[in-house]
Protein backbone atom coordinates (compact mmCIF):
# COMPACT_ATOMS: atom_id res chain seq x y z
CA MET A 1 -76.42 163.82 39.69
CA ALA A 2 -75.74 163.61 43.40
CA SER A 3 -73.25 166.03 44.91
CA PHE A 4 -70.46 164.73 47.08
CA GLY A 5 -69.41 166.49 50.24
CA LEU A 6 -66.05 166.11 51.98
CA GLY A 7 -65.76 164.70 55.48
CA ALA A 8 -63.67 166.20 58.23
CA GLY A 9 -60.05 165.17 58.02
CA MET A 10 -60.49 163.56 54.62
CA PRO A 11 -58.13 164.16 51.77
CA GLY A 12 -59.56 166.40 49.08
CA GLY A 13 -61.72 164.73 46.47
CA SER A 14 -62.43 161.65 48.59
CA GLN A 15 -64.73 159.04 47.09
CA HIS A 16 -66.50 158.71 50.44
CA GLY A 17 -68.14 162.14 50.44
CA ASP A 18 -71.60 160.60 49.93
CA VAL A 19 -71.61 158.70 53.23
CA LEU A 20 -69.65 161.32 55.17
CA SER A 21 -72.16 164.02 54.30
CA ALA A 22 -75.22 161.80 54.84
CA SER A 23 -77.67 162.73 57.62
CA PRO A 24 -80.02 159.77 58.22
CA GLU A 25 -83.04 160.50 60.37
CA ASP A 26 -84.63 157.18 61.33
CA ALA A 27 -82.98 154.20 63.03
CA ASP A 28 -83.10 151.87 59.99
CA SER A 29 -81.42 154.47 57.79
CA LYS A 30 -78.70 154.94 60.38
CA LEU A 31 -78.04 151.21 60.55
CA ARG A 32 -77.83 150.94 56.76
CA LEU A 33 -75.35 153.82 56.70
CA VAL A 34 -73.22 152.20 59.42
CA ASP A 35 -73.16 148.89 57.50
CA GLU A 36 -71.99 150.74 54.38
CA ILE A 37 -69.32 152.57 56.37
CA LYS A 38 -68.08 149.30 57.91
CA SER A 39 -67.63 147.81 54.45
CA ARG A 40 -65.77 150.87 53.16
CA GLY A 41 -63.70 151.06 56.33
CA ARG A 42 -62.53 147.46 55.93
CA ASN A 43 -61.48 148.18 52.36
CA ALA A 44 -59.66 151.35 53.43
CA VAL A 45 -57.71 149.44 56.09
CA GLY A 46 -57.00 146.64 53.64
CA THR A 47 -55.43 149.14 51.22
CA LYS A 48 -53.64 150.93 54.10
CA ASN A 49 -55.63 154.12 53.50
CA TYR A 50 -55.83 154.84 57.21
CA ARG A 51 -56.88 158.48 56.89
CA ASP A 52 -60.02 157.45 55.02
CA ALA A 53 -60.64 154.64 57.52
CA ASP A 54 -60.29 157.08 60.43
CA ALA A 55 -62.84 159.48 58.94
CA LEU A 56 -65.27 156.71 58.00
CA TYR A 57 -65.27 155.08 61.42
CA GLY A 58 -65.56 158.52 63.01
CA LYS A 59 -68.71 159.19 60.99
CA ALA A 60 -70.28 155.91 62.10
CA ILE A 61 -69.36 156.66 65.71
CA ASP A 62 -71.21 159.98 65.41
CA VAL A 63 -74.29 158.31 63.92
CA LEU A 64 -74.81 155.36 66.31
CA PRO A 65 -75.02 156.79 69.88
CA PRO A 66 -78.73 157.78 69.74
CA LEU A 67 -79.60 154.12 69.13
CA CYS A 68 -78.03 153.22 72.49
CA ASP A 69 -81.04 154.90 74.14
CA ASP A 70 -83.47 152.59 72.31
CA PRO A 71 -84.16 149.58 74.60
CA ASP A 72 -84.67 147.31 71.59
CA ARG A 73 -81.44 148.34 69.88
CA ALA A 74 -79.15 149.36 72.74
CA ASP A 75 -77.19 146.11 73.09
CA ALA A 76 -76.54 145.76 69.36
CA ALA A 77 -75.62 149.45 69.06
CA LYS A 78 -73.09 149.22 71.88
CA LYS A 79 -71.47 146.17 70.30
CA ASP A 80 -71.29 147.98 66.97
CA LEU A 81 -69.76 151.01 68.67
CA ALA A 82 -67.15 148.79 70.31
CA ILE A 83 -66.17 147.43 66.89
CA LEU A 84 -66.04 150.92 65.37
CA TYR A 85 -63.90 152.35 68.17
CA SER A 86 -61.61 149.31 67.96
CA ASN A 87 -61.21 149.69 64.20
CA ARG A 88 -60.52 153.40 64.51
CA SER A 89 -57.96 152.59 67.18
CA LEU A 90 -56.13 150.42 64.65
CA SER A 91 -56.22 153.17 62.03
CA ARG A 92 -54.90 155.77 64.46
CA LEU A 93 -52.18 153.42 65.66
CA GLN A 94 -50.99 152.99 62.09
CA MET A 95 -50.94 156.79 61.66
CA GLY A 96 -48.85 157.22 64.81
CA GLN A 97 -51.64 158.82 66.85
CA LEU A 98 -50.83 156.70 69.89
CA ALA A 99 -52.76 158.53 72.61
CA GLU A 100 -55.89 158.69 70.44
CA SER A 101 -55.50 155.02 69.54
CA ARG A 102 -55.30 154.05 73.19
CA SER A 103 -58.32 156.20 74.08
CA ASP A 104 -60.42 154.55 71.35
CA ALA A 105 -59.36 151.08 72.47
CA GLU A 106 -60.26 151.85 76.09
CA THR A 107 -63.66 153.13 74.96
CA ALA A 108 -64.21 149.96 72.89
CA ALA A 109 -63.35 147.75 75.85
CA GLY A 110 -65.72 149.77 78.03
CA MET A 111 -68.54 149.41 75.49
CA ASP A 112 -68.15 145.63 75.25
CA GLY A 113 -65.90 143.96 77.78
CA THR A 114 -66.20 140.62 75.97
CA TYR A 115 -64.85 141.97 72.68
CA VAL A 116 -61.40 140.39 72.34
CA LYS A 117 -60.10 142.79 69.71
CA ALA A 118 -60.82 145.81 71.90
CA HIS A 119 -58.39 144.53 74.55
CA TRP A 120 -55.97 143.45 71.83
CA ARG A 121 -55.95 146.94 70.30
CA LEU A 122 -55.47 148.42 73.76
CA GLY A 123 -52.46 146.20 74.29
CA GLN A 124 -51.00 147.22 70.93
CA ALA A 125 -51.47 150.92 71.66
CA CYS A 126 -49.93 150.60 75.12
CA THR A 127 -46.98 148.69 73.67
CA ALA A 128 -46.39 151.42 71.10
CA MET A 129 -46.46 154.02 73.91
CA GLY A 130 -43.99 152.01 75.99
CA SER A 131 -46.57 151.25 78.71
CA HIS A 132 -45.69 147.57 78.88
CA GLY A 133 -47.40 146.90 82.21
CA ASP A 134 -50.72 148.18 80.88
CA ALA A 135 -50.12 146.28 77.62
CA LEU A 136 -49.59 143.03 79.52
CA GLU A 137 -52.82 143.55 81.47
CA ALA A 138 -54.76 144.18 78.24
CA PHE A 139 -53.29 141.18 76.43
CA GLU A 140 -53.96 138.91 79.43
CA THR A 141 -57.59 140.07 79.50
CA ALA A 142 -57.92 139.28 75.79
CA LEU A 143 -56.35 135.86 76.30
CA GLU A 144 -58.79 135.09 79.10
CA LEU A 145 -61.59 135.67 76.60
CA ASP A 146 -59.90 133.62 73.84
CA LYS A 147 -57.72 131.06 75.62
CA ASN A 148 -56.67 129.15 72.48
CA ASN A 149 -55.48 132.17 70.51
CA LYS A 150 -51.80 131.48 69.82
CA ALA A 151 -51.15 134.97 68.49
CA LEU A 152 -52.39 136.45 71.77
CA LYS A 153 -50.21 134.05 73.74
CA LYS A 154 -47.21 135.41 71.85
CA GLU A 155 -48.24 138.98 72.68
CA VAL A 156 -48.57 138.10 76.38
CA ASP A 157 -45.14 136.46 76.40
CA LYS A 158 -43.51 139.45 74.67
CA ALA A 159 -45.18 141.90 77.05
CA ARG A 160 -44.02 139.91 80.08
CA VAL A 161 -40.44 140.01 78.80
CA LYS A 162 -40.69 143.79 78.40
CA VAL A 163 -42.07 144.18 81.92
CA GLU A 164 -39.27 142.07 83.38
CA GLN A 165 -36.68 144.05 81.43
CA GLU A 166 -38.10 147.28 82.82
CA LYS A 167 -37.92 145.89 86.35
CA LEU A 168 -34.25 145.07 85.88
CA LEU A 169 -33.55 148.55 84.52
CA VAL A 170 -35.30 150.11 87.51
CA MET A 171 -33.26 147.96 89.89
CA GLU A 172 -30.08 149.02 88.09
CA GLY A 173 -31.10 152.67 88.30
CA LYS A 174 -31.29 153.15 84.53
CA LEU A 175 -35.03 153.77 84.36
CA GLU A 176 -37.70 155.42 86.46
CA GLY A 177 -40.21 152.96 87.80
CA GLU A 178 -41.71 151.45 90.94
CA ASN A 179 -39.57 149.86 93.61
CA GLY A 180 -40.62 147.00 95.84
CA ASP A 181 -42.89 149.11 98.06
CA GLY A 182 -44.75 150.62 95.10
CA LYS A 183 -43.06 154.02 95.35
CA LYS A 184 -41.34 155.73 92.44
CA SER A 185 -37.57 155.44 92.38
CA PRO A 186 -36.22 158.18 90.05
CA ALA A 187 -33.31 157.16 87.89
CA SER A 188 -31.42 160.23 88.95
CA LYS A 189 -31.67 159.15 92.57
CA ALA A 190 -30.70 155.58 91.75
CA LYS A 191 -27.73 156.77 89.75
CA LYS A 192 -26.24 158.69 92.68
CA ALA A 193 -23.36 156.59 93.84
CA ALA A 194 -21.32 157.19 96.93
CA ALA A 195 -18.21 159.27 96.21
CA PRO A 196 -15.13 157.05 95.98
CA LYS A 197 -12.98 157.24 99.04
CA PRO A 198 -9.45 158.47 98.49
CA ALA A 199 -6.82 155.78 98.53
CA THR A 200 -4.94 155.53 101.80
CA VAL A 201 -1.40 154.36 102.36
CA PRO A 202 -1.26 151.51 104.87
CA LYS A 203 0.34 152.59 108.09
CA LYS A 204 3.10 150.47 109.49
CA SER A 205 3.35 150.20 113.22
CA SER A 206 6.35 149.09 115.19
CA SER A 207 4.30 148.50 118.29
CA SER A 208 3.03 145.12 119.31
CA GLY A 209 -0.51 146.53 119.19
CA SER A 210 -0.42 146.97 115.42
CA ASP A 211 -3.00 145.19 113.23
CA VAL A 212 -0.15 143.83 111.10
CA VAL A 213 -0.17 140.14 111.81
CA LYS A 214 2.13 138.73 109.13
CA ALA A 215 4.95 139.98 106.97
CA THR A 216 6.47 138.05 104.09
CA GLY A 217 9.13 139.91 102.17
CA ASP A 218 7.57 143.22 101.07
CA SER A 219 3.97 141.98 101.69
CA GLU A 220 2.11 142.76 104.88
CA PHE A 221 -1.21 141.22 105.95
CA SER A 222 -3.66 143.00 108.20
CA THR A 223 -6.41 141.33 110.22
CA SER A 224 -8.90 142.15 107.47
CA ASP A 225 -6.90 140.79 104.54
CA HIS A 226 -8.46 137.34 104.85
CA VAL A 227 -11.82 138.99 104.26
CA ARG A 228 -10.56 140.84 101.20
CA GLY A 229 -9.33 137.59 99.69
CA TYR A 230 -5.52 137.68 99.64
CA LYS A 231 -3.09 134.81 99.79
CA VAL A 232 0.64 134.20 99.47
CA VAL A 233 1.98 132.51 96.31
CA GLY A 234 5.69 132.14 95.74
CA GLY A 235 6.46 134.35 98.69
CA LYS A 236 4.32 137.22 97.38
CA LYS A 237 0.94 138.56 98.47
CA THR A 238 -1.62 138.11 95.67
CA SER A 239 -5.35 137.69 94.99
CA PHE A 240 -7.11 134.66 96.36
CA PHE A 241 -8.20 133.81 92.79
CA HIS A 242 -4.68 133.86 91.40
CA HIS A 243 -3.79 130.53 89.77
CA GLU A 244 -0.31 129.27 89.02
CA GLN A 245 -0.19 126.89 86.05
CA THR A 246 1.11 123.41 86.72
CA GLU A 247 3.74 121.82 84.50
CA GLU A 248 1.07 119.59 82.95
CA GLU A 249 -1.11 122.63 82.10
CA LYS A 250 1.88 124.40 80.54
CA ARG A 251 2.63 121.31 78.44
CA LEU A 252 -0.96 121.08 77.17
CA ILE A 253 -1.12 124.79 76.26
CA GLY A 254 2.24 124.78 74.54
CA ASP A 255 4.49 127.68 73.69
CA ILE A 256 2.43 130.89 73.47
CA THR A 257 5.35 133.29 73.30
CA PRO A 258 4.76 135.92 70.55
CA LYS A 259 6.91 135.30 67.49
CA GLN A 260 7.92 137.59 64.65
CA ILE A 261 6.33 136.87 61.29
CA SER A 262 8.88 136.35 58.52
CA ASP A 263 8.72 138.48 55.38
CA SER A 264 7.92 135.47 53.21
CA ALA A 265 5.00 134.42 55.42
CA ALA A 266 3.62 137.96 55.51
CA SER A 267 3.62 138.28 51.73
CA ALA A 268 2.01 134.91 51.03
CA PRO A 269 -1.61 135.12 49.76
CA PRO A 270 -4.26 133.77 52.12
CA ALA A 271 -5.34 130.21 51.48
CA GLN A 272 -8.66 129.93 49.69
CA GLU A 273 -11.14 127.74 51.50
CA ALA A 274 -13.90 126.01 49.65
CA LYS A 275 -17.36 126.97 50.87
CA GLU A 276 -20.86 126.13 49.85
CA GLU A 277 -22.66 128.82 47.93
CA GLY A 278 -24.99 130.84 50.15
CA THR A 279 -23.12 130.10 53.35
CA SER A 280 -20.92 132.42 55.38
CA ALA A 281 -17.15 132.51 54.86
CA TRP A 282 -16.38 133.60 58.42
CA ASN A 283 -17.82 130.53 60.11
CA LYS A 284 -14.60 128.49 60.25
CA ALA A 285 -15.70 126.36 63.18
CA GLY A 286 -18.88 125.21 61.47
CA THR A 287 -20.98 125.93 64.54
CA TRP A 288 -23.64 127.96 62.72
CA GLU A 289 -24.60 128.37 59.09
CA GLU A 290 -27.81 129.97 57.85
CA LYS A 291 -28.97 129.97 54.24
CA ASP A 292 -31.71 132.34 53.08
CA VAL A 293 -34.39 130.50 51.08
CA LYS A 294 -37.19 133.09 51.29
CA SER A 295 -37.69 133.34 47.53
CA TRP A 296 -38.10 129.57 47.17
CA ALA A 297 -40.40 129.45 50.21
CA VAL A 298 -42.72 132.20 48.96
CA ASP A 299 -43.08 130.58 45.53
CA THR A 300 -43.69 127.06 46.80
CA LEU A 301 -45.99 128.08 49.68
CA THR A 302 -48.10 130.17 47.31
CA ALA A 303 -48.30 127.28 44.86
CA SER A 304 -49.16 124.81 47.63
CA LEU A 305 -52.10 126.90 48.85
CA THR A 306 -53.51 128.00 45.49
CA GLY A 307 -56.06 125.48 44.26
CA VAL A 308 -56.73 123.81 47.61
CA SER A 309 -60.39 122.76 47.59
CA HIS A 310 -63.14 121.09 49.62
CA LEU A 311 -66.37 119.41 48.54
CA VAL A 312 -69.28 120.36 50.79
CA PRO A 313 -71.41 117.33 51.75
CA SER A 314 -74.64 117.19 49.76
CA ALA A 315 -76.67 116.94 52.98
CA ASP A 316 -76.05 120.59 53.81
CA PRO A 317 -79.34 122.43 53.08
CA GLU A 318 -77.68 125.72 52.12
CA ILE A 319 -74.57 124.87 50.05
CA GLY A 320 -74.68 121.08 49.76
CA GLY A 321 -72.68 119.71 46.81
CA ALA A 322 -70.73 122.95 46.32
CA THR A 323 -66.98 123.09 45.80
CA VAL A 324 -65.06 125.77 47.65
CA LYS A 325 -61.46 126.42 46.68
CA VAL A 326 -58.58 128.84 47.18
CA THR A 327 -58.24 130.92 44.03
CA ARG A 328 -55.35 133.09 45.15
CA ALA A 329 -52.72 133.15 47.90
CA THR A 330 -51.03 136.46 48.69
CA LYS A 331 -48.09 136.99 51.05
CA LEU A 332 -48.72 139.79 53.55
CA ASP A 333 -46.25 142.37 54.83
CA LEU A 334 -46.39 140.87 58.32
CA HIS A 335 -43.17 139.81 60.05
CA GLY A 336 -41.11 142.15 57.91
CA GLY A 337 -42.43 140.59 54.72
CA GLY A 338 -41.73 137.06 55.89
CA HIS A 339 -38.63 134.96 56.30
CA ALA A 340 -37.39 131.46 55.53
CA SER A 341 -33.96 129.98 56.06
CA VAL A 342 -32.15 126.75 56.84
CA ALA A 343 -29.68 126.87 59.70
CA ALA A 344 -27.04 124.26 60.45
CA VAL A 345 -26.19 124.28 64.16
CA ARG A 346 -23.25 122.00 64.91
CA GLY A 347 -24.31 119.70 62.11
CA LYS A 348 -28.03 119.70 62.99
CA LYS A 349 -30.47 121.43 60.65
CA ARG A 350 -33.09 123.93 61.77
CA TYR A 351 -35.90 125.08 59.47
CA ILE A 352 -36.91 128.65 60.21
CA TYR A 353 -39.91 130.29 58.55
CA GLU A 354 -42.55 132.89 59.35
CA PHE A 355 -45.17 134.21 56.95
CA GLY A 356 -48.62 135.79 56.90
CA MET A 357 -50.90 134.79 54.01
CA LYS A 358 -54.24 136.08 52.73
CA LEU A 359 -56.28 133.50 50.83
CA SER A 360 -59.08 134.38 48.41
CA TRP A 361 -61.76 131.70 48.14
CA GLU A 362 -64.74 130.99 45.89
CA LEU A 363 -67.70 128.64 46.34
CA GLU A 364 -69.76 127.46 43.37
CA GLY A 365 -72.11 124.70 42.32
CA GLY A 366 -74.15 124.47 45.51
CA SER A 367 -77.81 123.54 45.91
CA SER A 368 -78.77 127.21 46.09
CA GLY A 369 -77.38 127.88 42.64
CA GLU A 370 -75.53 130.95 43.92
CA ASP A 371 -71.77 131.53 43.94
CA TYR A 372 -69.99 133.14 46.86
CA SER A 373 -66.50 134.44 47.55
CA GLY A 374 -64.40 136.00 50.29
CA THR A 375 -61.04 135.92 52.03
CA MET A 376 -59.36 134.32 55.03
CA THR A 377 -56.14 135.58 56.65
CA LEU A 378 -53.58 133.37 58.37
CA PRO A 379 -51.18 135.78 60.12
CA ASP A 380 -48.76 133.26 61.65
CA ILE A 381 -47.52 130.43 59.45
CA ASP A 382 -44.40 129.51 61.39
CA GLY A 383 -42.53 126.70 63.06
CA THR A 384 -44.35 127.05 66.39
CA VAL A 385 -47.31 125.13 64.96
CA GLU A 386 -46.91 121.35 65.04
CA ALA A 387 -48.07 119.17 62.15
CA GLY A 388 -51.79 118.46 62.53
CA ASP A 389 -52.43 121.55 64.66
CA GLU A 390 -54.50 124.53 63.52
CA TYR A 391 -53.07 127.81 62.28
CA ASP A 392 -54.64 130.98 63.66
CA LEU A 393 -57.23 132.75 61.52
CA SER A 394 -57.30 136.49 62.15
CA GLU A 395 -59.90 137.57 59.59
CA PHE A 396 -62.64 135.92 57.52
CA THR A 397 -64.77 137.86 55.04
CA THR A 398 -67.66 137.07 52.72
CA GLU A 399 -68.58 139.27 49.78
CA GLY A 400 -72.13 140.58 49.44
CA ASN A 401 -75.16 140.27 51.68
CA VAL A 402 -75.37 136.86 53.31
CA GLY A 403 -78.27 135.68 55.48
CA ASN A 404 -77.78 134.06 58.87
CA ALA A 405 -78.41 130.50 57.71
CA LEU A 406 -76.01 130.81 54.80
CA ARG A 407 -73.41 132.53 56.96
CA MET A 408 -73.53 129.65 59.43
CA ALA A 409 -73.01 127.18 56.58
CA LEU A 410 -70.03 129.14 55.22
CA ASN A 411 -68.54 129.38 58.69
CA LYS A 412 -68.88 125.62 59.12
CA HIS A 413 -67.47 124.53 55.76
CA VAL A 414 -65.03 127.35 55.00
CA ARG A 415 -63.97 129.32 58.09
CA ASP A 416 -63.95 126.68 60.86
CA GLY A 417 -63.64 123.42 58.96
CA GLY A 418 -63.80 121.98 55.48
CA LEU A 419 -61.64 124.30 53.39
CA ARG A 420 -59.68 125.56 56.39
CA GLY A 421 -58.79 122.00 57.32
CA GLU A 422 -57.54 121.37 53.79
CA VAL A 423 -55.49 124.55 53.98
CA HIS A 424 -53.83 123.32 57.18
CA LYS A 425 -52.99 120.02 55.47
CA ALA A 426 -51.51 121.91 52.51
CA ILE A 427 -49.27 123.94 54.84
CA ASP A 428 -48.14 120.77 56.63
CA GLY A 429 -47.33 119.28 53.22
CA TRP A 430 -45.31 122.38 52.33
CA VAL A 431 -43.31 122.06 55.55
CA GLU A 432 -42.44 118.48 54.61
CA LEU A 433 -41.42 119.69 51.14
CA PHE A 434 -39.23 122.35 52.77
CA LYS A 435 -37.42 119.74 54.85
CA ALA A 436 -37.07 117.31 51.96
CA THR A 437 -35.65 119.99 49.63
CA TYR A 438 -33.08 121.32 52.09
């Protein structure tokens, strides 16, 4: 029976000792080990076992570099290394190792500048570290590579807001940052305000050379008072912005003199106002009401997506005639576990929802006679997507070893079209159900 070693940084008794202790000699053996590690790493991340994922990706990173010196394998090895560093960056970010996560993401981006996720991970790490300017630059680079990625557009917008907020704080002297000429302006320096000048008593002069130009009762105006914004109202010196109510204004406002509450009025119980269940009692004006319908939304969205299917055209040489369907829909912990509510804003309804869903799919009955399965993840099912538009797909997996021709067929009929299109229609239908129900 094979013995199992323990990898560095792994929890005791790890099930991954076989690959962590492996020492492949030839290039093919190294590639097979890396493929195995990738598969295990994905599962570790999927189950939030980030310590295992960190050790697994670290092992693959140690194994691959020699292949970068092989002219026939260098390009592929560098791309694989970029993926591994990017994945380890995610694991380290989740473990709170922010500096290490950023370093891995920077290495990934350096290995393969066209790898979108490398720049995305860099942006996430920089955001977590509070380096919003660097995060914005990373997210913008990723968006340049994937211009239609709506999730990235959101990240860019959020990073820009953070950068602008930092600029305002720097201007207000509440944060260290760069001023207009690119030099650091310490908060301590910005916070230094000029000492308040002691109040002075105006001097009256009896001479004709005095700066007192007008006297009305007890009020005296100097030559600078017009700059300060004074005026005379009712024979008294007052602020320029002082406003005396007209008789018409007083009539409209009515009597606002405080009045004593009688004992009988004070002891009377408060009137009970009828309110709809699930709405707020404090909203007397009816300007905003929000009703939480998350439980209903999760149940109906899950039911709407489960069972969605697509028949692959028989002309496809790989999987023609097969039926691919969603066998399970699982709500993810994204967006705080999801949210759905109905808000009434001055009588107008707003439907607010945001979920991430992972769909398990199966394909059977094709011309090849083989069955296949996998998953697809939709991280942003929310109201920013118009009916008929596509929802972002962040991850697509296929179980088992799949050849290039078959993979292309699955991508065409499951990932990019076919089943995915039916899923989008099902979500649009659920949105209509949401609006019709509430």
